[in-house]
Protein backbone atom coordinates (compact mmCIF):
# COMPACT_ATOMS: atom_id res chain seq x y z
CA MET A 1 147.38 60.39 -161.72
CA LYS A 2 145.64 59.43 -164.93
CA ILE A 3 141.92 60.25 -164.60
CA LYS A 4 139.18 59.25 -167.05
CA ILE A 5 136.08 61.44 -167.27
CA THR A 6 132.95 59.46 -168.16
CA ALA A 7 129.25 60.24 -168.34
CA ASP A 8 125.81 58.90 -169.14
CA SER A 9 124.71 59.27 -172.76
CA THR A 10 122.15 61.84 -171.59
CA CYS A 11 124.89 64.49 -171.55
CA ASP A 12 124.15 64.93 -175.29
CA LEU A 13 127.72 65.71 -176.30
CA SER A 14 128.42 65.45 -180.02
CA LYS A 15 130.77 62.78 -181.34
CA GLU A 16 133.28 65.52 -182.11
CA LEU A 17 133.29 66.73 -178.50
CA ILE A 18 133.43 63.19 -177.12
CA GLU A 19 136.52 62.55 -179.22
CA ARG A 20 138.10 65.94 -178.55
CA TYR A 21 137.84 65.56 -174.77
CA ASP A 22 138.15 61.76 -174.72
CA VAL A 23 134.95 61.31 -172.72
CA GLY A 24 133.73 57.80 -171.95
CA ILE A 25 129.99 57.32 -172.49
CA VAL A 26 127.66 54.81 -170.81
CA PRO A 27 124.44 54.54 -172.85
CA LEU A 28 121.02 54.50 -171.27
CA HIS A 29 118.38 52.21 -172.76
CA VAL A 30 115.53 53.31 -175.03
CA ILE A 31 112.68 50.82 -175.24
CA MET A 32 110.27 50.82 -178.17
CA GLY A 33 107.73 48.03 -178.25
CA ASP A 34 109.47 44.84 -177.16
CA LYS A 35 112.96 45.92 -178.24
CA SER A 36 115.62 47.72 -176.21
CA TYR A 37 118.16 50.03 -177.85
CA SER A 38 121.34 51.67 -176.57
CA ASP A 39 121.08 55.45 -176.58
CA GLY A 40 123.38 56.91 -179.23
CA VAL A 41 124.56 53.48 -180.39
CA ASP A 42 121.85 51.76 -182.40
CA ILE A 43 119.06 54.33 -182.37
CA VAL A 44 118.75 57.96 -183.49
CA PRO A 45 116.05 60.59 -182.77
CA ASP A 46 114.49 60.14 -186.22
CA ASP A 47 113.71 56.54 -185.25
CA ILE A 48 111.74 57.87 -182.29
CA PHE A 49 109.83 60.42 -184.36
CA GLU A 50 108.90 57.73 -186.87
CA ASN A 51 107.81 55.23 -184.22
CA VAL A 52 105.71 57.74 -182.29
CA ALA A 53 104.02 58.86 -185.52
CA LYS A 54 103.08 55.24 -186.24
CA THR A 55 102.10 54.07 -182.76
CA ASN A 56 101.19 57.29 -180.91
CA VAL A 57 103.20 55.85 -178.00
CA LEU A 58 106.36 57.33 -176.52
CA PRO A 59 109.36 55.05 -175.97
CA LYS A 60 110.38 54.21 -172.44
CA THR A 61 113.86 54.82 -171.07
CA ALA A 62 115.83 52.83 -168.53
CA ALA A 63 119.07 53.35 -166.61
CA PRO A 64 122.07 51.07 -167.04
CA SER A 65 122.12 48.38 -164.37
CA ILE A 66 124.63 48.19 -161.53
CA GLU A 67 126.28 45.32 -163.39
CA GLU A 68 126.59 47.36 -166.59
CA TYR A 69 128.25 50.22 -164.74
CA ALA A 70 130.52 47.82 -162.85
CA ASP A 71 131.66 46.15 -166.06
CA TYR A 72 132.25 49.51 -167.72
CA PHE A 73 134.30 50.91 -164.83
CA LYS A 74 136.34 47.70 -164.72
CA GLU A 75 137.34 48.12 -168.37
CA VAL A 76 138.22 51.79 -167.96
CA LEU A 77 140.38 51.13 -164.89
CA LYS A 78 142.62 48.83 -166.94
CA ASN A 79 144.11 51.98 -168.45
CA TYR A 80 143.40 54.69 -165.87
CA ASP A 81 144.09 55.26 -162.19
CA ALA A 82 140.66 56.72 -161.43
CA VAL A 83 137.27 57.50 -162.96
CA VAL A 84 135.02 60.51 -162.43
CA HIS A 85 131.55 59.70 -163.77
CA ILE A 86 128.87 62.37 -164.23
CA ASN A 87 125.27 61.12 -164.14
CA ILE A 88 121.94 62.46 -165.28
CA SER A 89 119.93 63.97 -162.39
CA SER A 90 119.09 61.40 -159.72
CA LYS A 91 115.56 62.83 -159.70
CA ALA A 92 115.08 61.87 -163.34
CA SER A 93 116.71 58.43 -163.40
CA SER A 94 118.16 55.71 -161.20
CA SER A 95 121.45 55.99 -163.14
CA TYR A 96 123.25 57.82 -160.34
CA ASP A 97 122.19 55.31 -157.69
CA ASN A 98 123.25 52.39 -159.89
CA ALA A 99 126.58 53.96 -160.82
CA THR A 100 127.29 54.81 -157.18
CA SER A 101 126.55 51.25 -156.12
CA ALA A 102 128.90 49.95 -158.80
CA SER A 103 131.63 52.41 -157.80
CA LYS A 104 131.87 50.84 -154.34
CA LEU A 105 133.40 47.75 -155.91
CA TYR A 106 136.54 49.67 -156.83
CA ARG A 107 137.87 50.93 -153.49
CA GLY A 108 137.89 54.65 -154.05
CA LYS A 109 138.95 54.58 -157.68
CA VAL A 110 135.54 55.52 -159.10
CA PHE A 111 133.80 58.77 -158.16
CA THR A 112 130.22 59.55 -159.20
CA VAL A 113 128.62 62.98 -159.53
CA ASP A 114 124.88 63.65 -159.56
CA SER A 115 124.69 66.48 -162.10
CA LEU A 116 121.12 67.40 -161.05
CA ALA A 117 120.78 68.20 -164.75
CA LEU A 118 120.29 66.53 -168.10
CA SER A 119 121.25 67.03 -171.72
CA THR A 120 124.04 69.56 -172.14
CA GLY A 121 123.36 70.99 -168.68
CA GLN A 122 124.97 67.72 -167.64
CA GLY A 123 127.37 68.10 -170.56
CA LEU A 124 128.65 71.42 -169.22
CA LEU A 125 129.76 69.68 -166.02
CA VAL A 126 131.35 66.88 -168.06
CA LEU A 127 133.49 69.31 -170.04
CA LYS A 128 134.32 71.24 -166.87
CA ALA A 129 135.57 67.98 -165.37
CA CYS A 130 137.71 67.45 -168.48
CA ASP A 131 139.17 70.95 -168.08
CA LEU A 132 140.00 70.27 -164.43
CA ALA A 133 141.54 66.87 -165.18
CA ALA A 134 143.72 68.49 -167.85
CA GLU A 135 144.91 70.97 -165.21
CA GLY A 136 146.08 68.05 -163.09
CA ARG A 137 143.38 68.27 -160.42
CA LYS A 138 142.79 65.22 -158.23
CA SER A 139 139.58 63.21 -158.52
CA LYS A 140 138.20 64.38 -155.16
CA ASP A 141 138.88 68.00 -156.06
CA ILE A 142 137.06 67.61 -159.39
CA VAL A 143 134.04 66.11 -157.63
CA GLU A 144 133.96 68.92 -155.04
CA ILE A 145 134.14 71.61 -157.73
CA LEU A 146 131.39 69.99 -159.81
CA ASN A 147 129.12 69.63 -156.79
CA ALA A 148 129.63 73.32 -156.02
CA LEU A 149 128.93 74.34 -159.62
CA ARG A 150 125.85 72.22 -160.33
CA PRO A 151 123.30 74.64 -158.75
CA ASN A 152 124.57 77.27 -161.20
CA VAL A 153 123.91 75.39 -164.41
CA ASN A 154 121.15 76.90 -166.52
CA THR A 155 119.35 73.88 -167.97
CA SER A 156 116.35 75.23 -169.84
CA PHE A 157 114.48 74.60 -173.08
CA VAL A 158 111.55 75.90 -175.11
CA PRO A 159 109.55 73.19 -176.94
CA ASP A 160 107.86 73.94 -180.25
CA ALA A 161 104.91 71.71 -179.32
CA LEU A 162 103.64 69.99 -176.17
CA ASP A 163 102.49 66.74 -177.76
CA TYR A 164 105.33 64.62 -176.37
CA LEU A 165 105.03 66.20 -172.93
CA HIS A 166 101.31 65.38 -172.99
CA LYS A 167 101.89 61.81 -174.11
CA GLY A 168 104.38 61.42 -171.29
CA GLY A 169 101.94 62.67 -168.67
CA ARG A 170 103.78 65.95 -168.07
CA CYS A 171 101.14 68.17 -169.66
CA SER A 172 97.36 67.99 -169.32
CA LEU A 173 95.01 67.79 -172.32
CA ALA A 174 93.62 71.21 -171.41
CA ALA A 175 97.10 72.72 -171.37
CA LEU A 176 97.92 71.02 -174.67
CA MET A 177 94.80 72.38 -176.39
CA GLY A 178 95.25 75.80 -174.86
CA ALA A 179 98.83 75.95 -176.05
CA LYS A 180 97.80 75.07 -179.60
CA VAL A 181 94.99 77.63 -179.72
CA LEU A 182 96.94 80.45 -178.08
CA LYS A 183 100.34 79.52 -179.55
CA LEU A 184 101.91 79.15 -176.13
CA HIS A 185 105.43 77.83 -175.67
CA PRO A 186 106.58 77.18 -172.11
CA MET A 187 110.11 77.68 -170.92
CA ILE A 188 111.02 74.38 -169.26
CA ASP A 189 113.61 74.98 -166.56
CA MET A 190 115.45 72.69 -164.18
CA LYS A 191 115.60 73.39 -160.46
CA ASP A 192 117.02 71.03 -157.83
CA GLY A 193 117.23 68.29 -160.43
CA GLN A 194 113.62 68.45 -161.60
CA LEU A 195 111.95 70.01 -164.64
CA TYR A 196 109.14 72.55 -164.30
CA ALA A 197 107.43 75.20 -166.45
CA LYS A 198 109.00 78.53 -165.49
CA LYS A 199 107.38 80.90 -167.97
CA LYS A 200 105.12 80.95 -171.03
CA TYR A 201 105.77 82.69 -174.32
CA MET A 202 103.14 83.49 -176.93
CA GLY A 203 103.49 83.49 -180.71
CA GLY A 204 105.54 81.69 -183.32
CA ILE A 205 108.52 79.66 -182.18
CA GLU A 206 111.09 82.12 -183.58
CA ARG A 207 109.53 84.99 -181.65
CA CYS A 208 109.35 82.88 -178.51
CA LEU A 209 113.00 81.83 -178.76
CA LYS A 210 114.05 85.45 -179.27
CA ASN A 211 112.24 86.42 -176.06
CA TYR A 212 113.70 83.37 -174.29
CA VAL A 213 117.28 84.37 -175.09
CA SER A 214 116.56 87.95 -174.05
CA ASP A 215 115.18 86.71 -170.73
CA LEU A 216 118.26 84.57 -170.15
CA ALA A 217 120.50 87.58 -170.74
CA ALA A 218 118.45 89.70 -168.34
CA THR A 219 118.39 87.00 -165.66
CA TYR A 220 122.00 85.80 -165.83
CA ARG A 221 124.15 88.91 -166.15
CA HIS A 222 127.21 87.17 -164.73
CA TYR A 223 128.23 83.84 -166.19
CA ASP A 224 131.14 81.55 -167.05
CA LYS A 225 132.26 82.75 -170.47
CA THR A 226 134.15 79.54 -171.29
CA ARG A 227 131.34 77.95 -173.30
CA CYS A 228 127.63 77.57 -173.84
CA PHE A 229 125.51 75.05 -175.66
CA ILE A 230 122.70 75.59 -178.13
CA THR A 231 121.03 72.20 -177.99
CA HIS A 232 117.99 71.28 -180.04
CA SER A 233 115.92 68.35 -181.23
CA SER A 234 115.89 68.60 -185.03
CA CYS A 235 115.05 72.31 -185.22
CA GLU A 236 115.13 73.98 -188.60
CA PRO A 237 118.68 75.21 -189.41
CA GLU A 238 117.53 78.79 -189.94
CA VAL A 239 115.92 78.82 -186.47
CA VAL A 240 119.15 77.60 -184.86
CA ALA A 241 121.16 80.15 -186.86
CA LYS A 242 118.99 83.03 -185.62
CA VAL A 243 119.31 81.90 -182.03
CA ARG A 244 123.08 81.59 -182.40
CA ALA A 245 123.34 85.09 -183.89
CA GLN A 246 121.37 86.51 -180.96
CA VAL A 247 123.49 84.63 -178.41
CA GLU A 248 126.66 85.92 -180.09
CA GLN A 249 125.34 89.47 -179.97
CA THR A 250 123.91 89.31 -176.45
CA PHE A 251 126.48 87.23 -174.57
CA GLY A 252 130.27 87.02 -174.59
CA PHE A 253 130.99 83.29 -174.65
CA ASP A 254 134.41 82.15 -175.83
CA GLU A 255 132.82 79.14 -177.51
CA ILE A 256 129.27 78.40 -178.63
CA LEU A 257 128.68 74.71 -179.19
CA GLU A 258 125.71 73.43 -181.20
CA THR A 259 124.48 69.92 -180.41
CA VAL A 260 121.46 67.79 -181.25
CA ALA A 261 119.56 66.36 -178.29
CA GLY A 262 119.90 62.63 -177.85
CA ASN A 263 117.23 59.97 -177.76
CA VAL A 264 116.37 60.19 -174.07
CA VAL A 265 115.70 63.93 -174.13
CA THR A 266 113.98 63.69 -177.52
CA SER A 267 111.60 61.01 -176.25
CA HIS A 268 110.35 63.39 -173.58
CA CYS A 269 110.37 66.79 -175.33
CA GLY A 270 109.74 65.97 -178.98
CA LYS A 271 110.83 67.62 -182.20
CA GLY A 272 111.62 71.33 -182.38
CA THR A 273 112.76 71.86 -178.79
CA LEU A 274 115.70 74.25 -178.27
CA GLY A 275 117.71 75.38 -175.27
CA VAL A 276 120.64 77.68 -174.54
CA LEU A 277 122.61 76.20 -171.65
CA PHE A 278 125.54 77.61 -169.67
CA ILE A 279 127.01 77.99 -166.19
CA TYR A 280 126.23 81.24 -164.39
CA ASP A 281 127.88 82.93 -161.40
């Protein structure tokens, strides 16, 4: 059986990875002012930074409609026997509900998975699905394995600043001011499909990221060594390089993949956010 693995654009896979694993991508919508853009198609994170700097207003995001998913699946099924589609967390977007509704039009040929994650936390499940499909696993088996794995995906980030979180209503003014004065950087973690502040670090961002990676290593002693992601929103190259060096020294991943966060994640977290994401046992 020829199976196509597809995902929402929120999986934040690089173009190189999308091509390497032949992943189909359905873009979410990013709305700035009165214009709607397709995530990863006709808008890049720098456009968001520029617009927010000018307007002091965050863009809005919207899920693809049922019709958009239906049309997309129809095209894919012209060349494949089945589709396994991995969505952004259903608690963050209506994408999963819309994709699932669309899948019912295709009589068991389209299977949807609620990743309960976003960014490359979702991306880890996408690439796992690609690995399983390459092994010759059936669609239902792939879905069952992904559903079993999704509670064990570490989806966490440390933002450099809380301005975007404040603008989006996820951080109070008091917390924003306190963070600036005390140089606090929260660790934003994902549990049961929702983001929450797990821990706070104090000091410069490089120091905070060093402590963040150390905490991950202490917390997740057993993990899938296949791959991990270092995903960031326009962090300075030297900051990313230091984090990578620490991950290489601390963990034993077979592959460390660096990716830049897409427009949807960027619009919520802002510039300078970085996360180390992987599947743990």
